[in-house]
């Protein structure tokens, strides 16, 4: 695989208490809804 075809991947963790805003933070960082923020 040459340099122009390499794919890079990162893994992050967002930890915290329930209802602390983790999903809201992730959605804000991504700029779209990627995780559920309510039932």
PDB file of N, CA and C in Angstrom:
ATOM      1  N   UNK A   1       0.851  -1.180   0.000  1.00  0.00           N
ATOM      2  CA  UNK A   1       0.000   0.000   0.000  1.00  0.00           C
ATOM      3  C   UNK A   1       0.894   1.239   0.000  1.00  0.00           C
ATOM      4  N   UNK A   2       0.721   2.122  -0.966  1.00  0.00           N
ATOM      5  CA  UNK A   2       1.558   3.319  -0.982  1.00  0.00           C
ATOM      6  C   UNK A   2       0.999   4.379  -0.033  1.00  0.00           C
ATOM      7  N   UNK A   3       1.757   5.438   0.173  1.00  0.00           N
ATOM      8  CA  UNK A   3       1.386   6.454   1.159  1.00  0.00           C
ATOM      9  C   UNK A   3       0.040   7.099   0.883  1.00  0.00           C
ATOM     10  N   UNK A   4      -0.336   7.276  -0.373  1.00  0.00           N
ATOM     11  CA  UNK A   4      -1.597   7.937  -0.685  1.00  0.00           C
ATOM     12  C   UNK A   4      -2.805   7.054  -0.376  1.00  0.00           C
ATOM     13  N   UNK A   5      -2.598   5.756  -0.176  1.00  0.00           N
ATOM     14  CA  UNK A   5      -3.706   4.853   0.098  1.00  0.00           C
ATOM     15  C   UNK A   5      -3.782   4.431   1.562  1.00  0.00           C
ATOM     16  N   UNK A   6      -2.846   4.881   2.389  1.00  0.00           N
ATOM     17  CA  UNK A   6      -2.865   4.485   3.793  1.00  0.00           C
ATOM     18  C   UNK A   6      -4.050   5.117   4.501  1.00  0.00           C
ATOM     19  N   UNK A   7      -4.665   4.342   5.368  1.00  0.00           N
ATOM     20  CA  UNK A   7      -5.762   4.845   6.181  1.00  0.00           C
ATOM     21  C   UNK A   7      -5.276   4.932   7.619  1.00  0.00           C
ATOM     22  N   UNK A   8      -5.620   6.012   8.265  1.00  0.00           N
ATOM     23  CA  UNK A   8      -5.210   6.200   9.646  1.00  0.00           C
ATOM     24  C   UNK A   8      -6.436   6.078  10.537  1.00  0.00           C
ATOM     25  N   UNK A   9      -6.230   5.508  11.680  1.00  0.00           N
ATOM     26  CA  UNK A   9      -7.323   5.288  12.611  1.00  0.00           C
ATOM     27  C   UNK A   9      -6.864   5.693  14.006  1.00  0.00           C
ATOM     28  N   UNK A  10      -7.744   6.339  14.733  1.00  0.00           N
ATOM     29  CA  UNK A  10      -7.472   6.707  16.118  1.00  0.00           C
ATOM     30  C   UNK A  10      -8.585   6.161  16.993  1.00  0.00           C
ATOM     31  N   UNK A  11      -8.233   5.852  18.208  1.00  0.00           N
ATOM     32  CA  UNK A  11      -9.216   5.383  19.177  1.00  0.00           C
ATOM     33  C   UNK A  11      -9.184   6.333  20.364  1.00  0.00           C
ATOM     34  N   UNK A  12     -10.357   6.829  20.747  1.00  0.00           N
ATOM     35  CA  UNK A  12     -10.447   7.692  21.916  1.00  0.00           C
ATOM     36  C   UNK A  12     -11.513   7.142  22.847  1.00  0.00           C
ATOM     37  N   UNK A  13     -11.457   7.534  24.092  1.00  0.00           N
ATOM     38  CA  UNK A  13     -12.473   7.148  25.070  1.00  0.00           C
ATOM     39  C   UNK A  13     -12.986   8.405  25.751  1.00  0.00           C
ATOM     40  N   UNK A  14     -14.296   8.479  25.924  1.00  0.00           N
ATOM     41  CA  UNK A  14     -14.912   9.563  26.680  1.00  0.00           C
ATOM     42  C   UNK A  14     -15.564   8.912  27.888  1.00  0.00           C
ATOM     43  N   UNK A  15     -15.016   9.175  29.053  1.00  0.00           N
ATOM     44  CA  UNK A  15     -15.490   8.549  30.288  1.00  0.00           C
ATOM     45  C   UNK A  15     -16.109   9.601  31.195  1.00  0.00           C
ATOM     46  N   UNK A  16     -17.094   9.174  31.964  1.00  0.00           N
ATOM     47  CA  UNK A  16     -17.703  10.087  32.923  1.00  0.00           C
ATOM     48  C   UNK A  16     -18.947   9.493  33.530  1.00  0.00           C
ATOM     49  N   UNK A  17     -19.495  10.212  34.462  1.00  0.00           N
ATOM     50  CA  UNK A  17     -20.705   9.793  35.163  1.00  0.00           C
ATOM     51  C   UNK A  17     -21.896   9.807  34.220  1.00  0.00           C
ATOM     52  N   UNK A  18     -22.952   9.043  34.572  1.00  0.00           N
ATOM     53  CA  UNK A  18     -24.182   9.098  33.775  1.00  0.00           C
ATOM     54  C   UNK A  18     -24.728  10.530  33.731  1.00  0.00           C
ATOM     55  N   UNK A  19     -25.285  10.908  32.603  1.00  0.00           N
ATOM     56  CA  UNK A  19     -25.889  12.232  32.408  1.00  0.00           C
ATOM     57  C   UNK A  19     -24.891  13.374  32.562  1.00  0.00           C
ATOM     58  N   UNK A  20     -23.630  13.114  32.246  1.00  0.00           N
ATOM     59  CA  UNK A  20     -22.603  14.149  32.364  1.00  0.00           C
ATOM     60  C   UNK A  20     -22.375  14.894  31.047  1.00  0.00           C
ATOM     61  N   UNK A  21     -23.023  14.460  29.963  1.00  0.00           N
ATOM     62  CA  UNK A  21     -22.894  15.144  28.681  1.00  0.00           C
ATOM     63  C   UNK A  21     -21.905  14.513  27.714  1.00  0.00           C
ATOM     64  N   UNK A  22     -21.558  13.247  27.932  1.00  0.00           N
ATOM     65  CA  UNK A  22     -20.594  12.566  27.052  1.00  0.00           C
ATOM     66  C   UNK A  22     -21.117  12.467  25.623  1.00  0.00           C
ATOM     67  N   UNK A  23     -22.342  12.051  25.450  1.00  0.00           N
ATOM     68  CA  UNK A  23     -22.913  11.917  24.100  1.00  0.00           C
ATOM     69  C   UNK A  23     -23.052  13.276  23.433  1.00  0.00           C
ATOM     70  N   UNK A  24     -23.458  14.276  24.186  1.00  0.00           N
ATOM     71  CA  UNK A  24     -23.575  15.624  23.645  1.00  0.00           C
ATOM     72  C   UNK A  24     -22.214  16.137  23.200  1.00  0.00           C
ATOM     73  N   UNK A  25     -21.181  15.879  23.991  1.00  0.00           N
ATOM     74  CA  UNK A  25     -19.822  16.276  23.633  1.00  0.00           C
ATOM     75  C   UNK A  25     -19.385  15.590  22.344  1.00  0.00           C
ATOM     76  N   UNK A  26     -19.608  14.288  22.248  1.00  0.00           N
ATOM     77  CA  UNK A  26     -19.225  13.544  21.048  1.00  0.00           C
ATOM     78  C   UNK A  26     -19.969  14.067  19.822  1.00  0.00           C
ATOM     79  N   UNK A  27     -21.265  14.299  19.951  1.00  0.00           N
ATOM     80  CA  UNK A  27     -22.050  14.839  18.834  1.00  0.00           C
ATOM     81  C   UNK A  27     -21.523  16.212  18.414  1.00  0.00           C
ATOM     82  N   UNK A  28     -21.148  17.024  19.387  1.00  0.00           N
ATOM     83  CA  UNK A  28     -20.628  18.353  19.091  1.00  0.00           C
ATOM     84  C   UNK A  28     -19.288  18.273  18.364  1.00  0.00           C
ATOM     85  N   UNK A  29     -18.415  17.396  18.814  1.00  0.00           N
ATOM     86  CA  UNK A  29     -17.109  17.223  18.173  1.00  0.00           C
ATOM     87  C   UNK A  29     -17.273  16.741  16.739  1.00  0.00           C
ATOM     88  N   UNK A  30     -18.182  15.790  16.520  1.00  0.00           N
ATOM     89  CA  UNK A  30     -18.375  15.211  15.192  1.00  0.00           C
ATOM     90  C   UNK A  30     -19.184  16.118  14.270  1.00  0.00           C
ATOM     91  N   UNK A  31     -19.933  17.054  14.831  1.00  0.00           N
ATOM     92  CA  UNK A  31     -20.726  17.962  14.016  1.00  0.00           C
ATOM     93  C   UNK A  31     -22.021  17.364  13.512  1.00  0.00           C
ATOM     94  N   UNK A  32     -22.399  16.209  14.044  1.00  0.00           N
ATOM     95  CA  UNK A  32     -23.661  15.567  13.680  1.00  0.00           C
ATOM     96  C   UNK A  32     -24.030  14.584  14.784  1.00  0.00           C
ATOM     97  N   UNK A  33     -25.275  14.106  14.753  1.00  0.00           N
ATOM     98  CA  UNK A  33     -25.714  13.151  15.769  1.00  0.00           C
ATOM     99  C   UNK A  33     -25.141  11.770  15.468  1.00  0.00           C
ATOM    100  N   UNK A  34     -24.213  11.329  16.303  1.00  0.00           N
ATOM    101  CA  UNK A  34     -23.628  10.000  16.156  1.00  0.00           C
ATOM    102  C   UNK A  34     -23.910   9.139  17.378  1.00  0.00           C
ATOM    103  N   UNK A  35     -24.435   9.755  18.430  1.00  0.00           N
ATOM    104  CA  UNK A  35     -24.795   8.989  19.622  1.00  0.00           C
ATOM    105  C   UNK A  35     -26.090   9.542  20.201  1.00  0.00           C
ATOM    106  N   UNK A  36     -26.830   8.690  20.877  1.00  0.00           N
ATOM    107  CA  UNK A  36     -28.134   9.032  21.437  1.00  0.00           C
ATOM    108  C   UNK A  36     -27.953   9.945  22.642  1.00  0.00           C
ATOM    109  N   UNK A  37     -28.770  11.008  22.723  1.00  0.00           N
ATOM    110  CA  UNK A  37     -28.690  11.926  23.852  1.00  0.00           C
ATOM    111  C   UNK A  37     -29.914  11.861  24.753  1.00  0.00           C
ATOM    112  N   UNK A  38     -30.939  11.093  24.376  1.00  0.00           N
ATOM    113  CA  UNK A  38     -32.120  10.906  25.226  1.00  0.00           C
ATOM    114  C   UNK A  38     -32.851   9.649  24.786  1.00  0.00           C
ATOM    115  N   UNK A  39     -33.781   9.180  25.619  1.00  0.00           N
ATOM    116  CA  UNK A  39     -34.542   7.957  25.306  1.00  0.00           C
ATOM    117  C   UNK A  39     -35.620   8.222  24.309  1.00  0.00           C
TER     118      UNK A  39
END
